[in-house]
Amino acid sequence: MALVYQKIQRPTSAQNDLLLSADPSQSLIDSYLKAGTAFAASDSRGLIGVLVLLPHADQVLEVANLAVTPSRQRQGYGKALLTFARQWASDHGYRTLRVATGTTSFAQLYLYQRQGYRVVAVEADYFTTHYNHDIMENSLKLRDRLVLTRNVVDSLA
């Protein structure tokens, strides 16, 4: 699984479609693309996924967006993107990685928890407040957001 990571200055159409698959708000994507660092991961067969890392205070780096091409999902690429994020965070002096996801995002929650992330907060009604339309996921209305964190150093061991 030899992946090549390239910084994204302005997403291609395919990269933007992937970003939208993880976050249906183009305006939110545009805001964190301006403030963060985005990467595209690819291999010899093409685009694998995208990753946006957003700095916060107190040496915290947020995985603001992580998406894998649908035909390449469940093959370990999400884990590879998270490993890349941990290494990048370590190389740039961050101590904590943060990720937020919906309470109905079962596959994502499973991935994050398998990688050592732990729930530290529940933001009630986040999605009904920050999005101007209902989001349905796994036949459930998405309302609340979970915030998970992981120590960077522990994750590299």
C-alpha atoms as a PDB file:
ATOM      1  CA  MET A   1       0.000   0.000   0.000  1.00  0.00           C
ATOM      2  CA  ALA A   2       2.515   2.603  -1.173  1.00  0.00           C
ATOM      3  CA  LEU A   3       0.679   5.911  -1.071  1.00  0.00           C
ATOM      4  CA  VAL A   4       1.899   9.266  -2.327  1.00  0.00           C
ATOM      5  CA  TYR A   5       0.671  12.319  -0.435  1.00  0.00           C
ATOM      6  CA  GLN A   6       0.487  15.695  -2.142  1.00  0.00           C
ATOM      7  CA  LYS A   7      -0.565  18.995  -0.626  1.00  0.00           C
ATOM      8  CA  ILE A   8      -3.748  20.356  -2.145  1.00  0.00           C
ATOM      9  CA  GLN A   9      -3.712  24.060  -2.965  1.00  0.00           C
ATOM     10  CA  ARG A  10      -7.065  24.043  -4.727  1.00  0.00           C
ATOM     11  CA  PRO A  11      -9.007  20.769  -4.880  1.00  0.00           C
ATOM     12  CA  THR A  12      -9.738  19.140  -8.197  1.00  0.00           C
ATOM     13  CA  SER A  13     -13.338  18.220  -8.922  1.00  0.00           C
ATOM     14  CA  ALA A  14     -12.723  14.621  -7.806  1.00  0.00           C
ATOM     15  CA  GLN A  15     -10.986  15.757  -4.616  1.00  0.00           C
ATOM     16  CA  ASN A  16     -13.793  18.204  -3.831  1.00  0.00           C
ATOM     17  CA  ASP A  17     -16.399  15.472  -4.388  1.00  0.00           C
ATOM     18  CA  LEU A  18     -14.576  13.356  -1.805  1.00  0.00           C
ATOM     19  CA  LEU A  19     -14.456  16.262   0.658  1.00  0.00           C
ATOM     20  CA  LEU A  20     -18.212  16.708   0.177  1.00  0.00           C
ATOM     21  CA  SER A  21     -18.799  13.012   0.835  1.00  0.00           C
ATOM     22  CA  ALA A  22     -17.438  13.556   4.359  1.00  0.00           C
ATOM     23  CA  ASP A  23     -18.959  17.003   4.912  1.00  0.00           C
ATOM     24  CA  PRO A  24     -21.958  18.124   2.842  1.00  0.00           C
ATOM     25  CA  SER A  25     -21.312  21.848   3.431  1.00  0.00           C
ATOM     26  CA  GLN A  26     -19.178  23.453   0.731  1.00  0.00           C
ATOM     27  CA  SER A  27     -18.926  26.668   2.762  1.00  0.00           C
ATOM     28  CA  LEU A  28     -17.537  24.806   5.796  1.00  0.00           C
ATOM     29  CA  ILE A  29     -15.088  22.918   3.558  1.00  0.00           C
ATOM     30  CA  ASP A  30     -13.939  26.183   1.980  1.00  0.00           C
ATOM     31  CA  SER A  31     -13.391  27.736   5.426  1.00  0.00           C
ATOM     32  CA  TYR A  32     -11.250  24.937   6.807  1.00  0.00           C
ATOM     33  CA  LEU A  33      -9.328  24.540   3.547  1.00  0.00           C
ATOM     34  CA  LYS A  34      -8.239  28.188   3.951  1.00  0.00           C
ATOM     35  CA  ALA A  35      -7.163  27.697   7.574  1.00  0.00           C
ATOM     36  CA  GLY A  36      -5.714  24.181   7.338  1.00  0.00           C
ATOM     37  CA  THR A  37      -3.443  21.948   5.295  1.00  0.00           C
ATOM     38  CA  ALA A  38      -5.025  19.544   2.820  1.00  0.00           C
ATOM     39  CA  PHE A  39      -3.562  16.414   1.269  1.00  0.00           C
ATOM     40  CA  ALA A  40      -4.553  14.029  -1.495  1.00  0.00           C
ATOM     41  CA  ALA A  41      -3.395  10.424  -1.240  1.00  0.00           C
ATOM     42  CA  SER A  42      -2.956   8.383  -4.387  1.00  0.00           C
ATOM     43  CA  ASP A  43      -1.348   5.248  -5.711  1.00  0.00           C
ATOM     44  CA  SER A  44      -0.614   3.910  -9.179  1.00  0.00           C
ATOM     45  CA  ARG A  45      -4.367   3.406  -9.749  1.00  0.00           C
ATOM     46  CA  GLY A  46      -5.358   6.965  -8.863  1.00  0.00           C
ATOM     47  CA  LEU A  47      -6.923   8.987  -6.071  1.00  0.00           C
ATOM     48  CA  ILE A  48      -7.329   7.096  -2.791  1.00  0.00           C
ATOM     49  CA  GLY A  49      -8.498   9.804  -0.435  1.00  0.00           C
ATOM     50  CA  VAL A  50      -8.279  13.294   0.958  1.00  0.00           C
ATOM     51  CA  LEU A  51      -7.337  14.652   4.355  1.00  0.00           C
ATOM     52  CA  VAL A  52      -7.594  18.152   5.835  1.00  0.00           C
ATOM     53  CA  LEU A  53      -5.647  19.022   8.989  1.00  0.00           C
ATOM     54  CA  LEU A  54      -6.669  22.116  10.934  1.00  0.00           C
ATOM     55  CA  PRO A  55      -4.514  23.632  13.692  1.00  0.00           C
ATOM     56  CA  HIS A  56      -6.035  24.673  17.025  1.00  0.00           C
ATOM     57  CA  ALA A  57      -4.601  26.207  20.178  1.00  0.00           C
ATOM     58  CA  ASP A  58      -2.653  24.192  22.754  1.00  0.00           C
ATOM     59  CA  GLN A  59      -0.825  21.991  20.201  1.00  0.00           C
ATOM     60  CA  VAL A  60      -4.067  20.386  18.975  1.00  0.00           C
ATOM     61  CA  LEU A  61      -4.435  19.355  15.335  1.00  0.00           C
ATOM     62  CA  GLU A  62      -7.877  18.460  14.040  1.00  0.00           C
ATOM     63  CA  VAL A  63      -8.620  15.973  11.292  1.00  0.00           C
ATOM     64  CA  ALA A  64     -11.245  18.288   9.806  1.00  0.00           C
ATOM     65  CA  ASN A  65     -12.031  16.052   6.827  1.00  0.00           C
ATOM     66  CA  LEU A  66     -11.049  12.520   5.895  1.00  0.00           C
ATOM     67  CA  ALA A  67     -12.591  10.714   2.953  1.00  0.00           C
ATOM     68  CA  VAL A  68     -11.667   7.611   0.964  1.00  0.00           C
ATOM     69  CA  THR A  69     -12.759   6.947  -2.621  1.00  0.00           C
ATOM     70  CA  PRO A  70     -15.839   4.673  -2.355  1.00  0.00           C
ATOM     71  CA  SER A  71     -14.344   1.826  -4.425  1.00  0.00           C
ATOM     72  CA  ARG A  72     -11.267   1.831  -2.149  1.00  0.00           C
ATOM     73  CA  GLN A  73     -13.063   1.849   1.205  1.00  0.00           C
ATOM     74  CA  ARG A  74     -12.636  -0.933   3.772  1.00  0.00           C
ATOM     75  CA  GLN A  75      -9.151  -1.733   2.481  1.00  0.00           C
ATOM     76  CA  GLY A  76      -7.098  -0.009   5.188  1.00  0.00           C
ATOM     77  CA  TYR A  77      -6.790   3.387   3.509  1.00  0.00           C
ATOM     78  CA  GLY A  78      -8.657   5.268   6.251  1.00  0.00           C
ATOM     79  CA  LYS A  79      -6.180   3.859   8.742  1.00  0.00           C
ATOM     80  CA  ALA A  80      -3.303   4.860   6.437  1.00  0.00           C
ATOM     81  CA  LEU A  81      -4.616   8.435   6.238  1.00  0.00           C
ATOM     82  CA  LEU A  82      -4.892   8.600  10.036  1.00  0.00           C
ATOM     83  CA  THR A  83      -1.343   7.236  10.374  1.00  0.00           C
ATOM     84  CA  PHE A  84      -0.132   9.936   7.980  1.00  0.00           C
ATOM     85  CA  ALA A  85      -2.003  12.562  10.058  1.00  0.00           C
ATOM     86  CA  ARG A  86      -0.315  11.329  13.265  1.00  0.00           C
ATOM     87  CA  GLN A  87       3.121  11.434  11.663  1.00  0.00           C
ATOM     88  CA  TRP A  88       2.517  14.902  10.216  1.00  0.00           C
ATOM     89  CA  ALA A  89       1.276  16.096  13.632  1.00  0.00           C
ATOM     90  CA  SER A  90       4.373  14.682  15.328  1.00  0.00           C
ATOM     91  CA  ASP A  91       6.694  16.239  12.745  1.00  0.00           C
ATOM     92  CA  HIS A  92       5.056  19.645  13.311  1.00  0.00           C
ATOM     93  CA  GLY A  93       5.053  19.614  17.122  1.00  0.00           C
ATOM     94  CA  TYR A  94       1.421  18.815  17.871  1.00  0.00           C
ATOM     95  CA  ARG A  95       0.586  16.826  20.992  1.00  0.00           C
ATOM     96  CA  THR A  96      -3.067  15.944  20.404  1.00  0.00           C
ATOM     97  CA  LEU A  97      -5.071  14.870  17.402  1.00  0.00           C
ATOM     98  CA  ARG A  98      -8.754  15.660  17.390  1.00  0.00           C
ATOM     99  CA  VAL A  99     -11.560  14.438  15.162  1.00  0.00           C
ATOM    100  CA  ALA A 100     -15.290  15.132  15.259  1.00  0.00           C
ATOM    101  CA  THR A 101     -17.960  12.992  13.661  1.00  0.00           C
ATOM    102  CA  GLY A 102     -21.673  12.368  13.775  1.00  0.00           C
ATOM    103  CA  THR A 103     -23.283  10.032  16.258  1.00  0.00           C
ATOM    104  CA  THR A 104     -24.763   8.130  13.312  1.00  0.00           C
ATOM    105  CA  SER A 105     -21.378   7.688  11.564  1.00  0.00           C
ATOM    106  CA  PHE A 106     -20.910   4.121  12.748  1.00  0.00           C
ATOM    107  CA  ALA A 107     -18.108   3.061  10.384  1.00  0.00           C
ATOM    108  CA  GLN A 108     -16.134   6.223  11.098  1.00  0.00           C
ATOM    109  CA  LEU A 109     -16.551   5.840  14.868  1.00  0.00           C
ATOM    110  CA  TYR A 110     -15.331   2.272  14.639  1.00  0.00           C
ATOM    111  CA  LEU A 111     -12.267   3.347  12.623  1.00  0.00           C
ATOM    112  CA  TYR A 112     -11.355   6.173  15.000  1.00  0.00           C
ATOM    113  CA  GLN A 113     -11.772   4.063  18.110  1.00  0.00           C
ATOM    114  CA  ARG A 114      -9.711   1.218  16.625  1.00  0.00           C
ATOM    115  CA  GLN A 115      -6.966   3.800  16.111  1.00  0.00           C
ATOM    116  CA  GLY A 116      -7.048   4.798  19.776  1.00  0.00           C
ATOM    117  CA  TYR A 117      -9.273   7.862  19.669  1.00  0.00           C
ATOM    118  CA  ARG A 118     -11.589   8.321  22.653  1.00  0.00           C
ATOM    119  CA  VAL A 119     -14.780  10.328  22.948  1.00  0.00           C
ATOM    120  CA  VAL A 120     -14.170  13.452  25.039  1.00  0.00           C
ATOM    121  CA  ALA A 121     -17.288  15.507  24.273  1.00  0.00           C
ATOM    122  CA  VAL A 122     -20.771  15.395  22.812  1.00  0.00           C
ATOM    123  CA  GLU A 123     -21.959  18.515  21.014  1.00  0.00           C
ATOM    124  CA  ALA A 124     -25.746  18.240  21.148  1.00  0.00           C
ATOM    125  CA  ASP A 125     -27.655  19.428  18.060  1.00  0.00           C
ATOM    126  CA  TYR A 126     -24.430  20.420  16.263  1.00  0.00           C
ATOM    127  CA  PHE A 127     -25.653  19.265  12.859  1.00  0.00           C
ATOM    128  CA  THR A 128     -29.143  20.733  13.200  1.00  0.00           C
ATOM    129  CA  THR A 129     -27.598  24.082  14.204  1.00  0.00           C
ATOM    130  CA  HIS A 130     -24.688  24.290  11.713  1.00  0.00           C
ATOM    131  CA  TYR A 131     -26.344  22.856   8.601  1.00  0.00           C
ATOM    132  CA  ASN A 132     -29.388  24.339   6.890  1.00  0.00           C
ATOM    133  CA  HIS A 133     -30.815  20.945   5.901  1.00  0.00           C
ATOM    134  CA  ASP A 134     -31.412  17.600   7.556  1.00  0.00           C
ATOM    135  CA  ILE A 135     -28.680  15.002   7.139  1.00  0.00           C
ATOM    136  CA  MET A 136     -29.769  11.380   7.087  1.00  0.00           C
ATOM    137  CA  GLU A 137     -27.173   8.700   7.743  1.00  0.00           C
ATOM    138  CA  ASN A 138     -27.739   4.997   8.372  1.00  0.00           C
ATOM    139  CA  SER A 139     -31.495   5.688   8.253  1.00  0.00           C
ATOM    140  CA  LEU A 140     -31.187   8.117  11.178  1.00  0.00           C
ATOM    141  CA  LYS A 141     -31.397  11.897  11.356  1.00  0.00           C
ATOM    142  CA  LEU A 142     -27.975  13.242  12.266  1.00  0.00           C
ATOM    143  CA  ARG A 143     -28.198  15.644  15.180  1.00  0.00           C
ATOM    144  CA  ASP A 144     -25.245  15.373  17.566  1.00  0.00           C
ATOM    145  CA  ARG A 145     -21.500  15.443  17.032  1.00  0.00           C
ATOM    146  CA  LEU A 146     -18.915  13.445  18.964  1.00  0.00           C
ATOM    147  CA  VAL A 147     -15.437  14.855  19.558  1.00  0.00           C
ATOM    148  CA  LEU A 148     -12.647  12.291  19.905  1.00  0.00           C
ATOM    149  CA  THR A 149      -8.977  12.835  20.718  1.00  0.00           C
ATOM    150  CA  ARG A 150      -5.755  10.881  20.694  1.00  0.00           C
ATOM    151  CA  ASN A 151      -2.275  11.703  21.998  1.00  0.00           C
ATOM    152  CA  VAL A 152       0.124  12.007  19.084  1.00  0.00           C
ATOM    153  CA  VAL A 153       3.091  10.411  20.862  1.00  0.00           C
ATOM    154  CA  ASP A 154       1.086   7.423  22.112  1.00  0.00           C
ATOM    155  CA  SER A 155      -0.305   6.865  18.632  1.00  0.00           C
ATOM    156  CA  LEU A 156       3.178   6.551  17.114  1.00  0.00           C
ATOM    157  CA  ALA A 157       4.306   3.840  19.488  1.00  0.00           C
END
